[in-house]
Amino acid sequence: MSIIITAEIGINHNGDLNLAKKLIDSAVDAGADAVKFQKRTLDLVYTKELLDTERESPWGTTQREQKQGLEFSTDQYSEVDKYCKDKNIQWFFSAWDTESQLEMRQFNCSYNKIASAMLTHSDLIDLIIDEKKHTFISTGMHSLEEIGEVVDKFKTKNCPFELMHTVSTYPMKDEDANLLMINSLRDTFKCNVGYSGHENGRAVSVAAAALGITSLERHITLDRSMYGSDQSASLEPDGLKFLIRYIRSVESAMGTGKKVILDEEKIIRSKLAPIL
């Protein structure tokens, strides 16, 4: 089975549906399997005090105006749904509250995603488990014990899932990647493990592919200099295209682990073997 590669649009569309469509186009062109967005109900995710604080942005001078500017409505997601179907690419989302999860059920996406920040949001996790969809679970910022509690819930309720090794810094330094944690998660929880990367480059993600991940998620953007907190940790279109090409090459190079002598090798051996 090939690694499921998701191009995370998140909120990098900056509230612009045309920009979102261009990002979807770049994911399709690069050969991604899916694109992912984020959905929040602001008054459930953030306190009134925080939303009322000052923050300069293209949409106004408060945190509320900035965060509202980054949110798509369900009407806009209806357009996303239609566009992705037209482009023959899967799409899904990570909800940050129960209202958003319920609101987005109307689109019947094939996958669910639990963001690292939501790993201890029990009510949200219960809603997701009830849907019985394959769920990608990011593990940044949380202990093995906390991850284990979520895994136990998914296993008990027979909801398909895989963990994703994640380091929740934006952008992540290569030396902080701790990729061997992929093996540790797989060995500890006896499940498939993917990688959600926030690094600037491509090398760490390619190395993760060689460790046998089953999914890969990377943020994408049209231009890393654009407005937004996730832009600097994102891949531009050419970067995504090269990354996916490298990932698919790694997959084909891994082989079976069984010793095979190729016919081409036999010919070369007949020419190079010592005369005894």
Protein backbone atom coordinates (compact mmCIF):
# COMPACT_ATOMS: atom_id res chain seq x y z
CA MET A 1 0.00 0.00 0.00
CA SER A 2 1.35 3.41 -0.97
CA ILE A 3 1.93 6.19 1.52
CA ILE A 4 -1.14 8.43 1.68
CA ILE A 5 0.20 11.91 0.96
CA THR A 6 -1.92 14.82 2.18
CA ALA A 7 -1.28 18.42 1.21
CA GLU A 8 -2.38 20.45 4.23
CA ILE A 9 -3.97 23.70 3.08
CA GLY A 10 -5.19 24.40 6.60
CA ILE A 11 -5.81 28.13 6.82
CA ASN A 12 -3.19 29.05 4.21
CA HIS A 13 -6.06 30.00 1.87
CA ASN A 14 -6.38 33.22 3.94
CA GLY A 15 -10.16 33.16 3.58
CA ASP A 16 -9.94 33.35 -0.23
CA LEU A 17 -11.79 30.62 -2.12
CA ASN A 18 -9.87 31.33 -5.34
CA LEU A 19 -6.59 30.92 -3.47
CA ALA A 20 -7.86 27.64 -2.01
CA LYS A 21 -8.64 26.39 -5.51
CA LYS A 22 -5.13 27.29 -6.68
CA LEU A 23 -3.71 25.34 -3.73
CA ILE A 24 -5.91 22.36 -4.61
CA ASP A 25 -4.65 22.62 -8.20
CA SER A 26 -1.03 22.57 -7.01
CA ALA A 27 -1.73 19.47 -4.89
CA VAL A 28 -3.34 17.70 -7.84
CA ASP A 29 -0.48 18.69 -10.14
CA ALA A 30 2.09 17.37 -7.64
CA GLY A 31 0.31 14.03 -7.28
CA ALA A 32 -1.01 14.33 -3.72
CA ASP A 33 -3.71 11.90 -2.62
CA ALA A 34 -5.70 14.43 -0.59
CA VAL A 35 -5.90 18.00 0.64
CA LYS A 36 -6.84 18.99 4.18
CA PHE A 37 -8.42 22.07 5.72
CA GLN A 38 -9.20 23.24 9.28
CA LYS A 39 -12.52 24.27 10.84
CA ARG A 40 -13.16 26.22 14.03
CA THR A 41 -16.11 27.74 15.86
CA LEU A 42 -14.25 30.74 17.24
CA ASP A 43 -16.30 31.30 20.39
CA LEU A 44 -15.84 27.65 21.39
CA VAL A 45 -12.13 27.45 20.66
CA TYR A 46 -10.99 30.84 22.01
CA THR A 47 -11.95 32.95 25.02
CA LYS A 48 -13.76 36.27 24.56
CA GLU A 49 -10.80 37.96 26.26
CA LEU A 50 -8.40 36.64 23.64
CA LEU A 51 -10.71 37.42 20.71
CA ASP A 52 -11.12 41.00 21.91
CA THR A 53 -7.38 41.66 22.13
CA GLU A 54 -5.61 43.76 19.53
CA ARG A 55 -4.06 42.14 16.46
CA GLU A 56 -3.30 43.85 13.20
CA SER A 57 -4.27 41.81 10.14
CA PRO A 58 -5.67 42.30 6.62
CA TRP A 59 -9.16 41.95 8.14
CA GLY A 60 -9.01 44.39 11.05
CA THR A 61 -7.40 45.20 14.37
CA THR A 62 -8.59 42.42 16.72
CA GLN A 63 -7.92 38.71 17.13
CA ARG A 64 -11.58 38.01 16.34
CA GLU A 65 -11.43 39.83 13.00
CA GLN A 66 -8.19 38.07 12.09
CA LYS A 67 -9.52 34.61 12.91
CA GLN A 68 -12.88 35.25 11.24
CA GLY A 69 -11.00 36.28 8.12
CA LEU A 70 -9.28 32.89 8.02
CA GLU A 71 -12.42 30.77 8.44
CA PHE A 72 -14.42 29.28 5.57
CA SER A 73 -18.19 29.02 5.90
CA THR A 74 -20.02 25.80 5.06
CA ASP A 75 -21.11 27.45 1.80
CA GLN A 76 -17.46 27.95 0.91
CA TYR A 77 -16.71 24.35 1.90
CA SER A 78 -19.50 23.27 -0.43
CA GLU A 79 -17.50 24.92 -3.20
CA VAL A 80 -14.35 23.16 -1.97
CA ASP A 81 -16.22 19.84 -1.99
CA LYS A 82 -17.43 20.33 -5.56
CA TYR A 83 -14.03 21.53 -6.77
CA CYS A 84 -12.19 18.56 -5.24
CA LYS A 85 -14.67 16.14 -6.80
CA ASP A 86 -14.18 17.81 -10.17
CA LYS A 87 -10.40 17.50 -9.73
CA ASN A 88 -10.69 13.89 -8.50
CA ILE A 89 -8.83 14.46 -5.24
CA GLN A 90 -9.94 13.56 -1.71
CA TRP A 91 -10.37 16.30 0.86
CA PHE A 92 -10.96 16.29 4.59
CA PHE A 93 -10.49 18.54 7.60
CA SER A 94 -9.42 18.78 11.22
CA ALA A 95 -12.13 20.24 13.46
CA TRP A 96 -11.13 22.11 16.60
CA ASP A 97 -14.48 21.81 18.38
CA THR A 98 -17.55 19.56 18.44
CA GLU A 99 -19.83 22.04 16.67
CA SER A 100 -17.45 22.20 13.71
CA GLN A 101 -17.20 18.41 13.55
CA LEU A 102 -20.99 18.08 13.47
CA GLU A 103 -21.36 20.92 10.96
CA MET A 104 -18.87 19.33 8.55
CA ARG A 105 -20.48 15.88 8.59
CA GLN A 106 -22.67 16.97 5.69
CA PHE A 107 -19.72 16.55 3.32
CA ASN A 108 -19.12 12.89 4.19
CA CYS A 109 -15.36 13.08 3.75
CA SER A 110 -13.50 9.76 3.63
CA TYR A 111 -11.09 10.62 6.47
CA ASN A 112 -11.01 12.37 9.82
CA LYS A 113 -8.05 14.12 11.40
CA ILE A 114 -7.28 14.88 15.04
CA ALA A 115 -4.85 17.77 15.32
CA SER A 116 -2.18 17.51 18.00
CA ALA A 117 -3.76 20.35 19.97
CA MET A 118 -7.05 18.40 20.17
CA LEU A 119 -5.58 15.14 21.47
CA THR A 120 -7.17 15.57 24.90
CA HIS A 121 -10.51 16.97 23.66
CA SER A 122 -12.54 13.94 24.77
CA ASP A 123 -15.94 15.09 23.46
CA LEU A 124 -14.52 15.83 20.02
CA ILE A 125 -12.68 12.50 19.92
CA ASP A 126 -15.86 10.64 20.87
CA LEU A 127 -17.75 12.31 17.99
CA ILE A 128 -15.00 11.36 15.56
CA ILE A 129 -14.91 7.75 16.75
CA ASP A 130 -18.69 7.49 16.29
CA GLU A 131 -18.23 8.25 12.57
CA LYS A 132 -16.05 5.12 12.16
CA LYS A 133 -13.92 6.77 9.45
CA HIS A 134 -10.20 6.19 9.08
CA THR A 135 -8.65 8.83 11.34
CA PHE A 136 -5.17 10.34 11.29
CA ILE A 137 -4.08 11.22 14.83
CA SER A 138 -1.24 13.71 15.25
CA THR A 139 0.80 13.29 18.43
CA GLY A 140 2.75 16.53 18.92
CA MET A 141 3.02 18.10 22.40
CA HIS A 142 1.64 14.99 24.17
CA SER A 143 3.07 12.16 26.23
CA LEU A 144 2.94 8.44 25.43
CA GLU A 145 0.41 8.05 28.24
CA GLU A 146 -1.92 10.63 26.69
CA ILE A 147 -1.50 9.10 23.24
CA GLY A 148 -2.23 5.68 24.72
CA GLU A 149 -5.55 6.83 26.17
CA VAL A 150 -6.71 7.94 22.71
CA VAL A 151 -5.45 4.74 21.06
CA ASP A 152 -7.36 2.65 23.61
CA LYS A 153 -10.57 4.51 22.76
CA PHE A 154 -10.17 3.90 19.04
CA LYS A 155 -9.34 0.24 19.53
CA THR A 156 -12.21 -0.33 21.96
CA LYS A 157 -14.73 1.21 19.55
CA ASN A 158 -13.18 -0.46 16.46
CA CYS A 159 -12.62 2.82 14.66
CA PRO A 160 -9.79 2.59 12.09
CA PHE A 161 -6.88 4.94 12.76
CA GLU A 162 -3.20 5.59 12.47
CA LEU A 163 -0.91 7.76 14.54
CA MET A 164 1.22 10.49 13.02
CA HIS A 165 4.55 11.39 14.58
CA THR A 166 4.54 15.17 14.92
CA VAL A 167 6.75 17.86 16.40
CA SER A 168 4.59 20.94 16.90
CA THR A 169 7.00 23.77 16.12
CA TYR A 170 6.57 26.05 13.09
CA PRO A 171 8.91 25.69 11.33
CA MET A 172 10.52 22.66 12.95
CA LYS A 173 14.32 22.44 13.06
CA ASP A 174 15.66 19.31 11.37
CA GLU A 175 17.57 18.34 14.52
CA ASP A 176 14.29 18.29 16.47
CA ALA A 177 12.57 15.78 14.16
CA ASN A 178 13.29 12.70 16.31
CA LEU A 179 12.25 10.42 13.43
CA LEU A 180 13.05 7.24 15.33
CA MET A 181 9.90 8.03 17.31
CA ILE A 182 8.06 6.60 14.29
CA ASN A 183 9.42 3.17 15.19
CA SER A 184 8.71 3.74 18.89
CA LEU A 185 5.06 4.61 18.26
CA ARG A 186 4.65 1.60 15.97
CA ASP A 187 6.23 -0.77 18.49
CA THR A 188 4.40 0.67 21.50
CA PHE A 189 0.88 0.86 20.09
CA LYS A 190 1.00 -1.90 17.42
CA CYS A 191 -0.52 0.32 14.73
CA ASN A 192 0.38 2.10 11.52
CA VAL A 193 2.29 5.35 11.94
CA GLY A 194 2.57 8.33 9.61
CA TYR A 195 4.46 11.60 9.78
CA SER A 196 3.11 15.17 9.90
CA GLY A 197 6.03 17.47 9.16
CA HIS A 198 6.49 21.16 9.85
CA GLU A 199 10.06 21.52 8.60
CA ASN A 200 11.14 23.88 5.83
CA GLY A 201 12.75 21.38 3.48
CA ARG A 202 12.16 17.91 2.10
CA ALA A 203 14.95 15.70 3.46
CA VAL A 204 13.31 14.87 6.79
CA SER A 205 10.05 13.79 5.13
CA VAL A 206 11.95 11.60 2.65
CA ALA A 207 13.80 9.98 5.55
CA ALA A 208 10.46 9.36 7.28
CA ALA A 209 9.27 7.53 4.17
CA ALA A 210 12.27 5.20 4.45
CA LEU A 211 11.17 4.34 8.01
CA GLY A 212 7.95 2.79 6.72
CA ILE A 213 5.36 5.49 7.37
CA THR A 214 1.88 4.87 6.02
CA SER A 215 0.90 8.54 5.64
CA LEU A 216 2.59 11.89 5.19
CA GLU A 217 1.15 15.35 5.73
CA ARG A 218 2.84 18.61 4.80
CA HIS A 219 1.50 22.18 4.75
CA ILE A 220 1.42 23.82 1.32
CA THR A 221 1.37 27.42 0.14
CA LEU A 222 1.75 29.33 -3.10
CA ASP A 223 4.38 31.58 -1.51
CA ARG A 224 6.00 31.23 1.94
CA SER A 225 6.17 35.03 2.25
CA MET A 226 2.36 35.32 2.25
CA TYR A 227 0.46 36.41 5.36
CA GLY A 228 -0.18 33.62 7.86
CA SER A 229 1.38 31.75 10.77
CA ASP A 230 1.73 28.45 8.88
CA GLN A 231 3.18 29.82 5.64
CA SER A 232 6.84 29.63 6.68
CA ALA A 233 6.52 25.92 7.52
CA SER A 234 4.87 25.12 4.19
CA LEU A 235 6.04 23.78 0.84
CA GLU A 236 5.60 25.84 -2.30
CA PRO A 237 4.22 24.06 -5.41
CA ASP A 238 7.58 22.97 -6.85
CA GLY A 239 8.74 21.82 -3.43
CA LEU A 240 5.65 19.66 -3.01
CA LYS A 241 6.08 18.23 -6.50
CA PHE A 242 9.71 17.24 -5.86
CA LEU A 243 8.90 15.84 -2.42
CA ILE A 244 6.19 13.54 -3.77
CA ARG A 245 8.51 12.41 -6.56
CA TYR A 246 11.19 11.57 -3.98
CA ILE A 247 8.70 9.79 -1.70
CA ARG A 248 7.44 7.59 -4.52
CA SER A 249 11.06 6.79 -5.48
CA VAL A 250 11.83 5.76 -1.91
CA GLU A 251 8.75 3.54 -1.84
CA SER A 252 9.79 1.73 -5.01
CA ALA A 253 13.36 1.38 -3.72
CA MET A 254 12.48 -0.25 -0.38
CA GLY A 255 11.85 -3.71 -1.84
CA THR A 256 10.87 -6.77 0.19
CA GLY A 257 13.93 -7.34 2.37
CA LYS A 258 14.47 -10.74 0.75
CA LYS A 259 17.74 -11.39 -1.05
CA VAL A 260 17.19 -11.49 -4.81
CA ILE A 261 19.87 -11.94 -7.48
CA LEU A 262 18.72 -10.08 -10.57
CA ASP A 263 19.20 -11.52 -14.03
CA GLU A 264 21.34 -8.48 -14.83
CA GLU A 265 23.56 -9.35 -11.86
CA LYS A 266 23.99 -12.93 -13.07
CA ILE A 267 25.31 -11.67 -16.37
CA ILE A 268 27.75 -9.31 -14.65
CA ARG A 269 28.83 -12.08 -12.26
CA SER A 270 29.63 -14.37 -15.18
CA LYS A 271 32.03 -11.71 -16.46
CA LEU A 272 33.59 -10.68 -13.13
CA ALA A 273 33.68 -13.88 -11.09
CA PRO A 274 37.21 -15.15 -10.33
CA ILE A 275 38.57 -18.05 -12.33
CA LEU A 276 39.26 -20.88 -9.88
